[in-house]
Amino acid sequence: MNYLIESLGWIGSLVMLIAYILNLRGRWTNHHPLYLWFNVVGGVFLVINTYFHQAYAATGLEVVWVIVALPSLLKHWRIR
């Protein structure tokens, strides 16, 4: 179980970092569906990891991160 939680943390961090780098380089805009998906998935993985480690401040940040990204993703999905 611990290996799974650690893996989710590392994957979540990597996914969010990739999204951030691609956004800074102009490859993805803030509203690009993959940018939003990467933020939601990475955020959820980090929520799980930080909660497991009882890092509640970081958990709160990640919950807000997902809450901010999710409506934009749902808006994009409804438009299609």
PDB file of N, CA and C in Angstrom:
ATOM      1  N   MET A   1       0.819  -1.199   0.000  1.00  0.00           N
ATOM      2  CA  MET A   1       0.000   0.000   0.000  1.00  0.00           C
ATOM      3  C   MET A   1       0.863   1.263   0.000  1.00  0.00           C
ATOM      4  N   ASN A   2       1.912   1.270   0.815  1.00  0.00           N
ATOM      5  CA  ASN A   2       2.787   2.428   0.890  1.00  0.00           C
ATOM      6  C   ASN A   2       3.444   2.715  -0.463  1.00  0.00           C
ATOM      7  N   TYR A   3       3.826   1.668  -1.181  1.00  0.00           N
ATOM      8  CA  TYR A   3       4.438   1.833  -2.496  1.00  0.00           C
ATOM      9  C   TYR A   3       3.455   2.503  -3.458  1.00  0.00           C
ATOM     10  N   LEU A   4       2.193   2.105  -3.400  1.00  0.00           N
ATOM     11  CA  LEU A   4       1.158   2.696  -4.257  1.00  0.00           C
ATOM     12  C   LEU A   4       0.983   4.183  -3.941  1.00  0.00           C
ATOM     13  N   ILE A   5       0.920   4.528  -2.670  1.00  0.00           N
ATOM     14  CA  ILE A   5       0.744   5.921  -2.257  1.00  0.00           C
ATOM     15  C   ILE A   5       1.935   6.765  -2.703  1.00  0.00           C
ATOM     16  N   GLU A   6       3.137   6.246  -2.532  1.00  0.00           N
ATOM     17  CA  GLU A   6       4.334   6.971  -2.964  1.00  0.00           C
ATOM     18  C   GLU A   6       4.359   7.133  -4.478  1.00  0.00           C
ATOM     19  N   SER A   7       3.979   6.095  -5.189  1.00  0.00           N
ATOM     20  CA  SER A   7       3.934   6.171  -6.647  1.00  0.00           C
ATOM     21  C   SER A   7       2.943   7.224  -7.113  1.00  0.00           C
ATOM     22  N   LEU A   8       1.764   7.272  -6.477  1.00  0.00           N
ATOM     23  CA  LEU A   8       0.775   8.286  -6.838  1.00  0.00           C
ATOM     24  C   LEU A   8       1.329   9.692  -6.606  1.00  0.00           C
ATOM     25  N   GLY A   9       2.047   9.876  -5.525  1.00  0.00           N
ATOM     26  CA  GLY A   9       2.644  11.180  -5.245  1.00  0.00           C
ATOM     27  C   GLY A   9       3.646  11.596  -6.305  1.00  0.00           C
ATOM     28  N   TRP A  10       4.513  10.685  -6.677  1.00  0.00           N
ATOM     29  CA  TRP A  10       5.518  11.004  -7.693  1.00  0.00           C
ATOM     30  C   TRP A  10       4.885  11.218  -9.065  1.00  0.00           C
ATOM     31  N   ILE A  11       3.939  10.372  -9.413  1.00  0.00           N
ATOM     32  CA  ILE A  11       3.260  10.522 -10.709  1.00  0.00           C
ATOM     33  C   ILE A  11       2.486  11.832 -10.743  1.00  0.00           C
ATOM     34  N   GLY A  12       1.761  12.140  -9.664  1.00  0.00           N
ATOM     35  CA  GLY A  12       1.009  13.388  -9.605  1.00  0.00           C
ATOM     36  C   GLY A  12       1.913  14.605  -9.755  1.00  0.00           C
ATOM     37  N   SER A  13       3.043  14.585  -9.074  1.00  0.00           N
ATOM     38  CA  SER A  13       4.000  15.691  -9.177  1.00  0.00           C
ATOM     39  C   SER A  13       4.529  15.828 -10.597  1.00  0.00           C
ATOM     40  N   LEU A  14       4.891  14.724 -11.208  1.00  0.00           N
ATOM     41  CA  LEU A  14       5.426  14.736 -12.562  1.00  0.00           C
ATOM     42  C   LEU A  14       4.387  15.227 -13.567  1.00  0.00           C
ATOM     43  N   VAL A  15       3.165  14.754 -13.438  1.00  0.00           N
ATOM     44  CA  VAL A  15       2.090  15.147 -14.354  1.00  0.00           C
ATOM     45  C   VAL A  15       1.848  16.657 -14.260  1.00  0.00           C
ATOM     46  N   MET A  16       1.798  17.179 -13.039  1.00  0.00           N
ATOM     47  CA  MET A  16       1.569  18.617 -12.873  1.00  0.00           C
ATOM     48  C   MET A  16       2.759  19.433 -13.364  1.00  0.00           C
ATOM     49  N   LEU A  17       3.956  18.931 -13.174  1.00  0.00           N
ATOM     50  CA  LEU A  17       5.145  19.624 -13.662  1.00  0.00           C
ATOM     51  C   LEU A  17       5.171  19.670 -15.182  1.00  0.00           C
ATOM     52  N   ILE A  18       4.828  18.581 -15.829  1.00  0.00           N
ATOM     53  CA  ILE A  18       4.768  18.539 -17.291  1.00  0.00           C
ATOM     54  C   ILE A  18       3.761  19.559 -17.805  1.00  0.00           C
ATOM     55  N   ALA A  19       2.576  19.611 -17.183  1.00  0.00           N
ATOM     56  CA  ALA A  19       1.551  20.572 -17.595  1.00  0.00           C
ATOM     57  C   ALA A  19       2.064  21.998 -17.449  1.00  0.00           C
ATOM     58  N   TYR A  20       2.725  22.274 -16.350  1.00  0.00           N
ATOM     59  CA  TYR A  20       3.248  23.612 -16.085  1.00  0.00           C
ATOM     60  C   TYR A  20       4.305  24.005 -17.116  1.00  0.00           C
ATOM     61  N   ILE A  21       5.220  23.107 -17.395  1.00  0.00           N
ATOM     62  CA  ILE A  21       6.284  23.388 -18.372  1.00  0.00           C
ATOM     63  C   ILE A  21       5.694  23.619 -19.758  1.00  0.00           C
ATOM     64  N   LEU A  22       4.765  22.774 -20.169  1.00  0.00           N
ATOM     65  CA  LEU A  22       4.163  22.936 -21.497  1.00  0.00           C
ATOM     66  C   LEU A  22       3.350  24.226 -21.587  1.00  0.00           C
ATOM     67  N   ASN A  23       2.751  24.634 -20.488  1.00  0.00           N
ATOM     68  CA  ASN A  23       2.031  25.902 -20.456  1.00  0.00           C
ATOM     69  C   ASN A  23       2.995  27.076 -20.569  1.00  0.00           C
ATOM     70  N   LEU A  24       4.087  27.039 -19.834  1.00  0.00           N
ATOM     71  CA  LEU A  24       5.067  28.125 -19.887  1.00  0.00           C
ATOM     72  C   LEU A  24       5.713  28.256 -21.263  1.00  0.00           C
ATOM     73  N   ARG A  25       5.874  27.147 -21.930  1.00  0.00           N
ATOM     74  CA  ARG A  25       6.499  27.162 -23.262  1.00  0.00           C
ATOM     75  C   ARG A  25       5.506  27.464 -24.376  1.00  0.00           C
ATOM     76  N   GLY A  26       4.257  27.690 -24.018  1.00  0.00           N
ATOM     77  CA  GLY A  26       3.253  28.059 -24.997  1.00  0.00           C
ATOM     78  C   GLY A  26       2.658  26.904 -25.782  1.00  0.00           C
ATOM     79  N   ARG A  27       2.943  25.692 -25.381  1.00  0.00           N
ATOM     80  CA  ARG A  27       2.400  24.528 -26.089  1.00  0.00           C
ATOM     81  C   ARG A  27       0.954  24.261 -25.697  1.00  0.00           C
ATOM     82  N   TRP A  28       0.633  24.508 -24.428  1.00  0.00           N
ATOM     83  CA  TRP A  28      -0.730  24.356 -23.926  1.00  0.00           C
ATOM     84  C   TRP A  28      -1.162  25.679 -23.309  1.00  0.00           C
ATOM     85  N   THR A  29      -2.380  26.102 -23.613  1.00  0.00           N
ATOM     86  CA  THR A  29      -2.941  27.271 -22.950  1.00  0.00           C
ATOM     87  C   THR A  29      -3.563  26.830 -21.625  1.00  0.00           C
ATOM     88  N   ASN A  30      -4.007  27.808 -20.870  1.00  0.00           N
ATOM     89  CA  ASN A  30      -4.657  27.501 -19.586  1.00  0.00           C
ATOM     90  C   ASN A  30      -5.965  26.748 -19.772  1.00  0.00           C
ATOM     91  N   HIS A  31      -6.530  26.811 -20.970  1.00  0.00           N
ATOM     92  CA  HIS A  31      -7.813  26.158 -21.217  1.00  0.00           C
ATOM     93  C   HIS A  31      -7.692  24.927 -22.115  1.00  0.00           C
ATOM     94  N   HIS A  32      -6.488  24.540 -22.421  1.00  0.00           N
ATOM     95  CA  HIS A  32      -6.269  23.334 -23.229  1.00  0.00           C
ATOM     96  C   HIS A  32      -6.753  22.129 -22.416  1.00  0.00           C
ATOM     97  N   PRO A  33      -7.544  21.244 -23.040  1.00  0.00           N
ATOM     98  CA  PRO A  33      -8.096  20.111 -22.283  1.00  0.00           C
ATOM     99  C   PRO A  33      -7.037  19.244 -21.608  1.00  0.00           C
ATOM    100  N   LEU A  34      -5.921  19.006 -22.256  1.00  0.00           N
ATOM    101  CA  LEU A  34      -4.884  18.179 -21.625  1.00  0.00           C
ATOM    102  C   LEU A  34      -4.249  18.893 -20.437  1.00  0.00           C
ATOM    103  N   TYR A  35      -4.083  20.193 -20.550  1.00  0.00           N
ATOM    104  CA  TYR A  35      -3.556  20.959 -19.420  1.00  0.00           C
ATOM    105  C   TYR A  35      -4.480  20.812 -18.217  1.00  0.00           C
ATOM    106  N   LEU A  36      -5.779  20.931 -18.448  1.00  0.00           N
ATOM    107  CA  LEU A  36      -6.758  20.803 -17.374  1.00  0.00           C
ATOM    108  C   LEU A  36      -6.795  19.384 -16.819  1.00  0.00           C
ATOM    109  N   TRP A  37      -6.776  18.384 -17.701  1.00  0.00           N
ATOM    110  CA  TRP A  37      -6.772  16.984 -17.249  1.00  0.00           C
ATOM    111  C   TRP A  37      -5.539  16.688 -16.411  1.00  0.00           C
ATOM    112  N   PHE A  38      -4.386  17.148 -16.870  1.00  0.00           N
ATOM    113  CA  PHE A  38      -3.150  16.896 -16.130  1.00  0.00           C
ATOM    114  C   PHE A  38      -3.229  17.519 -14.737  1.00  0.00           C
ATOM    115  N   ASN A  39      -3.796  18.715 -14.635  1.00  0.00           N
ATOM    116  CA  ASN A  39      -3.917  19.364 -13.335  1.00  0.00           C
ATOM    117  C   ASN A  39      -4.895  18.634 -12.429  1.00  0.00           C
ATOM    118  N   VAL A  40      -6.006  18.179 -12.969  1.00  0.00           N
ATOM    119  CA  VAL A  40      -6.993  17.463 -12.156  1.00  0.00           C
ATOM    120  C   VAL A  40      -6.433  16.120 -11.688  1.00  0.00           C
ATOM    121  N   VAL A  41      -5.898  15.348 -12.607  1.00  0.00           N
ATOM    122  CA  VAL A  41      -5.371  14.025 -12.254  1.00  0.00           C
ATOM    123  C   VAL A  41      -4.170  14.149 -11.309  1.00  0.00           C
ATOM    124  N   GLY A  42      -3.245  15.030 -11.633  1.00  0.00           N
ATOM    125  CA  GLY A  42      -2.093  15.233 -10.763  1.00  0.00           C
ATOM    126  C   GLY A  42      -2.513  15.701  -9.382  1.00  0.00           C
ATOM    127  N   GLY A  43      -3.486  16.605  -9.341  1.00  0.00           N
ATOM    128  CA  GLY A  43      -3.986  17.097  -8.068  1.00  0.00           C
ATOM    129  C   GLY A  43      -4.630  16.003  -7.232  1.00  0.00           C
ATOM    130  N   VAL A  44      -5.440  15.167  -7.862  1.00  0.00           N
ATOM    131  CA  VAL A  44      -6.096  14.074  -7.136  1.00  0.00           C
ATOM    132  C   VAL A  44      -5.047  13.103  -6.578  1.00  0.00           C
ATOM    133  N   PHE A  45      -4.058  12.769  -7.386  1.00  0.00           N
ATOM    134  CA  PHE A  45      -2.999  11.870  -6.916  1.00  0.00           C
ATOM    135  C   PHE A  45      -2.265  12.468  -5.723  1.00  0.00           C
ATOM    136  N   LEU A  46      -2.006  13.775  -5.788  1.00  0.00           N
ATOM    137  CA  LEU A  46      -1.303  14.424  -4.677  1.00  0.00           C
ATOM    138  C   LEU A  46      -2.192  14.579  -3.449  1.00  0.00           C
ATOM    139  N   VAL A  47      -3.495  14.720  -3.637  1.00  0.00           N
ATOM    140  CA  VAL A  47      -4.408  14.739  -2.489  1.00  0.00           C
ATOM    141  C   VAL A  47      -4.290  13.421  -1.739  1.00  0.00           C
ATOM    142  N   ILE A  48      -4.311  12.332  -2.464  1.00  0.00           N
ATOM    143  CA  ILE A  48      -4.215  11.008  -1.843  1.00  0.00           C
ATOM    144  C   ILE A  48      -2.891  10.868  -1.091  1.00  0.00           C
ATOM    145  N   ASN A  49      -1.801  11.254  -1.745  1.00  0.00           N
ATOM    146  CA  ASN A  49      -0.477  11.117  -1.147  1.00  0.00           C
ATOM    147  C   ASN A  49      -0.308  11.992   0.085  1.00  0.00           C
ATOM    148  N   THR A  50      -0.683  13.250  -0.019  1.00  0.00           N
ATOM    149  CA  THR A  50      -0.479  14.156   1.113  1.00  0.00           C
ATOM    150  C   THR A  50      -1.408  13.827   2.278  1.00  0.00           C
ATOM    151  N   TYR A  51      -2.604  13.370   1.988  1.00  0.00           N
ATOM    152  CA  TYR A  51      -3.516  12.984   3.062  1.00  0.00           C
ATOM    153  C   TYR A  51      -2.963  11.764   3.811  1.00  0.00           C
ATOM    154  N   PHE A  52      -2.460  10.813   3.055  1.00  0.00           N
ATOM    155  CA  PHE A  52      -1.866   9.616   3.662  1.00  0.00           C
ATOM    156  C   PHE A  52      -0.724   9.985   4.604  1.00  0.00           C
ATOM    157  N   HIS A  53       0.057  10.976   4.210  1.00  0.00           N
ATOM    158  CA  HIS A  53       1.207  11.408   5.018  1.00  0.00           C
ATOM    159  C   HIS A  53       0.824  12.463   6.057  1.00  0.00           C
ATOM    160  N   GLN A  54      -0.449  12.708   6.189  1.00  0.00           N
ATOM    161  CA  GLN A  54      -0.990  13.668   7.150  1.00  0.00           C
ATOM    162  C   GLN A  54      -0.408  15.069   6.963  1.00  0.00           C
ATOM    163  N   ALA A  55      -0.135  15.408   5.725  1.00  0.00           N
ATOM    164  CA  ALA A  55       0.323  16.761   5.379  1.00  0.00           C
ATOM    165  C   ALA A  55      -0.917  17.551   4.959  1.00  0.00           C
ATOM    166  N   TYR A  56      -1.699  17.935   5.953  1.00  0.00           N
ATOM    167  CA  TYR A  56      -3.026  18.475   5.687  1.00  0.00           C
ATOM    168  C   TYR A  56      -3.009  19.835   4.996  1.00  0.00           C
ATOM    169  N   ALA A  57      -2.002  20.648   5.237  1.00  0.00           N
ATOM    170  CA  ALA A  57      -1.917  21.929   4.532  1.00  0.00           C
ATOM    171  C   ALA A  57      -1.730  21.688   3.032  1.00  0.00           C
ATOM    172  N   ALA A  58      -0.856  20.764   2.685  1.00  0.00           N
ATOM    173  CA  ALA A  58      -0.643  20.423   1.279  1.00  0.00           C
ATOM    174  C   ALA A  58      -1.882  19.754   0.691  1.00  0.00           C
ATOM    175  N   THR A  59      -2.568  18.944   1.490  1.00  0.00           N
ATOM    176  CA  THR A  59      -3.803  18.312   1.033  1.00  0.00           C
ATOM    177  C   THR A  59      -4.835  19.379   0.693  1.00  0.00           C
ATOM    178  N   GLY A  60      -4.966  20.373   1.565  1.00  0.00           N
ATOM    179  CA  GLY A  60      -5.903  21.466   1.309  1.00  0.00           C
ATOM    180  C   GLY A  60      -5.579  22.215   0.037  1.00  0.00           C
ATOM    181  N   LEU A  61      -4.304  22.487  -0.176  1.00  0.00           N
ATOM    182  CA  LEU A  61      -3.879  23.168  -1.397  1.00  0.00           C
ATOM    183  C   LEU A  61      -4.252  22.355  -2.628  1.00  0.00           C
ATOM    184  N   GLU A  62      -3.997  21.062  -2.593  1.00  0.00           N
ATOM    185  CA  GLU A  62      -4.292  20.213  -3.744  1.00  0.00           C
ATOM    186  C   GLU A  62      -5.800  20.089  -3.989  1.00  0.00           C
ATOM    187  N   VAL A  63      -6.582  20.067  -2.923  1.00  0.00           N
ATOM    188  CA  VAL A  63      -8.044  20.025  -3.082  1.00  0.00           C
ATOM    189  C   VAL A  63      -8.505  21.286  -3.796  1.00  0.00           C
ATOM    190  N   VAL A  64      -7.985  22.439  -3.382  1.00  0.00           N
ATOM    191  CA  VAL A  64      -8.347  23.699  -4.041  1.00  0.00           C
ATOM    192  C   VAL A  64      -7.885  23.680  -5.499  1.00  0.00           C
ATOM    193  N   TRP A  65      -6.693  23.149  -5.746  1.00  0.00           N
ATOM    194  CA  TRP A  65      -6.150  23.071  -7.106  1.00  0.00           C
ATOM    195  C   TRP A  65      -7.114  22.295  -8.013  1.00  0.00           C
ATOM    196  N   VAL A  66      -7.619  21.182  -7.527  1.00  0.00           N
ATOM    197  CA  VAL A  66      -8.555  20.357  -8.302  1.00  0.00           C
ATOM    198  C   VAL A  66      -9.882  21.098  -8.477  1.00  0.00           C
ATOM    199  N   ILE A  67     -10.354  21.741  -7.415  1.00  0.00           N
ATOM    200  CA  ILE A  67     -11.623  22.465  -7.485  1.00  0.00           C
ATOM    201  C   ILE A  67     -11.549  23.605  -8.498  1.00  0.00           C
ATOM    202  N   VAL A  68     -10.402  24.243  -8.608  1.00  0.00           N
ATOM    203  CA  VAL A  68     -10.232  25.333  -9.569  1.00  0.00           C
ATOM    204  C   VAL A  68     -10.181  24.791 -10.999  1.00  0.00           C
ATOM    205  N   ALA A  69      -9.496  23.686 -11.219  1.00  0.00           N
ATOM    206  CA  ALA A  69      -9.324  23.143 -12.569  1.00  0.00           C
ATOM    207  C   ALA A  69     -10.570  22.411 -13.079  1.00  0.00           C
ATOM    208  N   LEU A  70     -11.293  21.780 -12.191  1.00  0.00           N
ATOM    209  CA  LEU A  70     -12.420  20.932 -12.603  1.00  0.00           C
ATOM    210  C   LEU A  70     -13.535  21.682 -13.342  1.00  0.00           C
ATOM    211  N   PRO A  71     -13.990  22.833 -12.882  1.00  0.00           N
ATOM    212  CA  PRO A  71     -15.056  23.526 -13.616  1.00  0.00           C
ATOM    213  C   PRO A  71     -14.655  23.897 -15.047  1.00  0.00           C
ATOM    214  N   SER A  72     -13.408  24.306 -15.251  1.00  0.00           N
ATOM    215  CA  SER A  72     -12.948  24.628 -16.610  1.00  0.00           C
ATOM    216  C   SER A  72     -12.946  23.388 -17.486  1.00  0.00           C
ATOM    217  N   LEU A  73     -12.544  22.268 -16.918  1.00  0.00           N
ATOM    218  CA  LEU A  73     -12.554  21.016 -17.668  1.00  0.00           C
ATOM    219  C   LEU A  73     -13.979  20.613 -18.016  1.00  0.00           C
ATOM    220  N   LEU A  74     -14.885  20.714 -17.070  1.00  0.00           N
ATOM    221  CA  LEU A  74     -16.287  20.367 -17.322  1.00  0.00           C
ATOM    222  C   LEU A  74     -16.909  21.312 -18.344  1.00  0.00           C
ATOM    223  N   LYS A  75     -16.545  22.597 -18.280  1.00  0.00           N
ATOM    224  CA  LYS A  75     -17.053  23.570 -19.256  1.00  0.00           C
ATOM    225  C   LYS A  75     -16.596  23.188 -20.656  1.00  0.00           C
ATOM    226  N   HIS A  76     -15.335  22.826 -20.789  1.00  0.00           N
ATOM    227  CA  HIS A  76     -14.796  22.416 -22.094  1.00  0.00           C
ATOM    228  C   HIS A  76     -15.513  21.159 -22.583  1.00  0.00           C
ATOM    229  N   TRP A  77     -15.763  20.242 -21.691  1.00  0.00           N
ATOM    230  CA  TRP A  77     -16.424  18.972 -22.056  1.00  0.00           C
ATOM    231  C   TRP A  77     -17.849  19.223 -22.513  1.00  0.00           C
ATOM    232  N   ARG A  78     -18.566  20.141 -21.846  1.00  0.00           N
ATOM    233  CA  ARG A  78     -19.950  20.444 -22.227  1.00  0.00           C
ATOM    234  C   ARG A  78     -20.026  21.137 -23.573  1.00  0.00           C
ATOM    235  N   ILE A  79     -19.036  21.951 -23.896  1.00  0.00           N
ATOM    236  CA  ILE A  79     -19.010  22.656 -25.180  1.00  0.00           C
ATOM    237  C   ILE A  79     -18.883  21.670 -26.326  1.00  0.00           C
ATOM    238  N   ARG A  80     -18.123  20.617 -26.135  1.00  0.00           N
ATOM    239  CA  ARG A  80     -17.928  19.615 -27.184  1.00  0.00           C
ATOM    240  C   ARG A  80     -19.176  18.821 -27.300  1.00  0.00           C
TER     241      ARG A  80
END
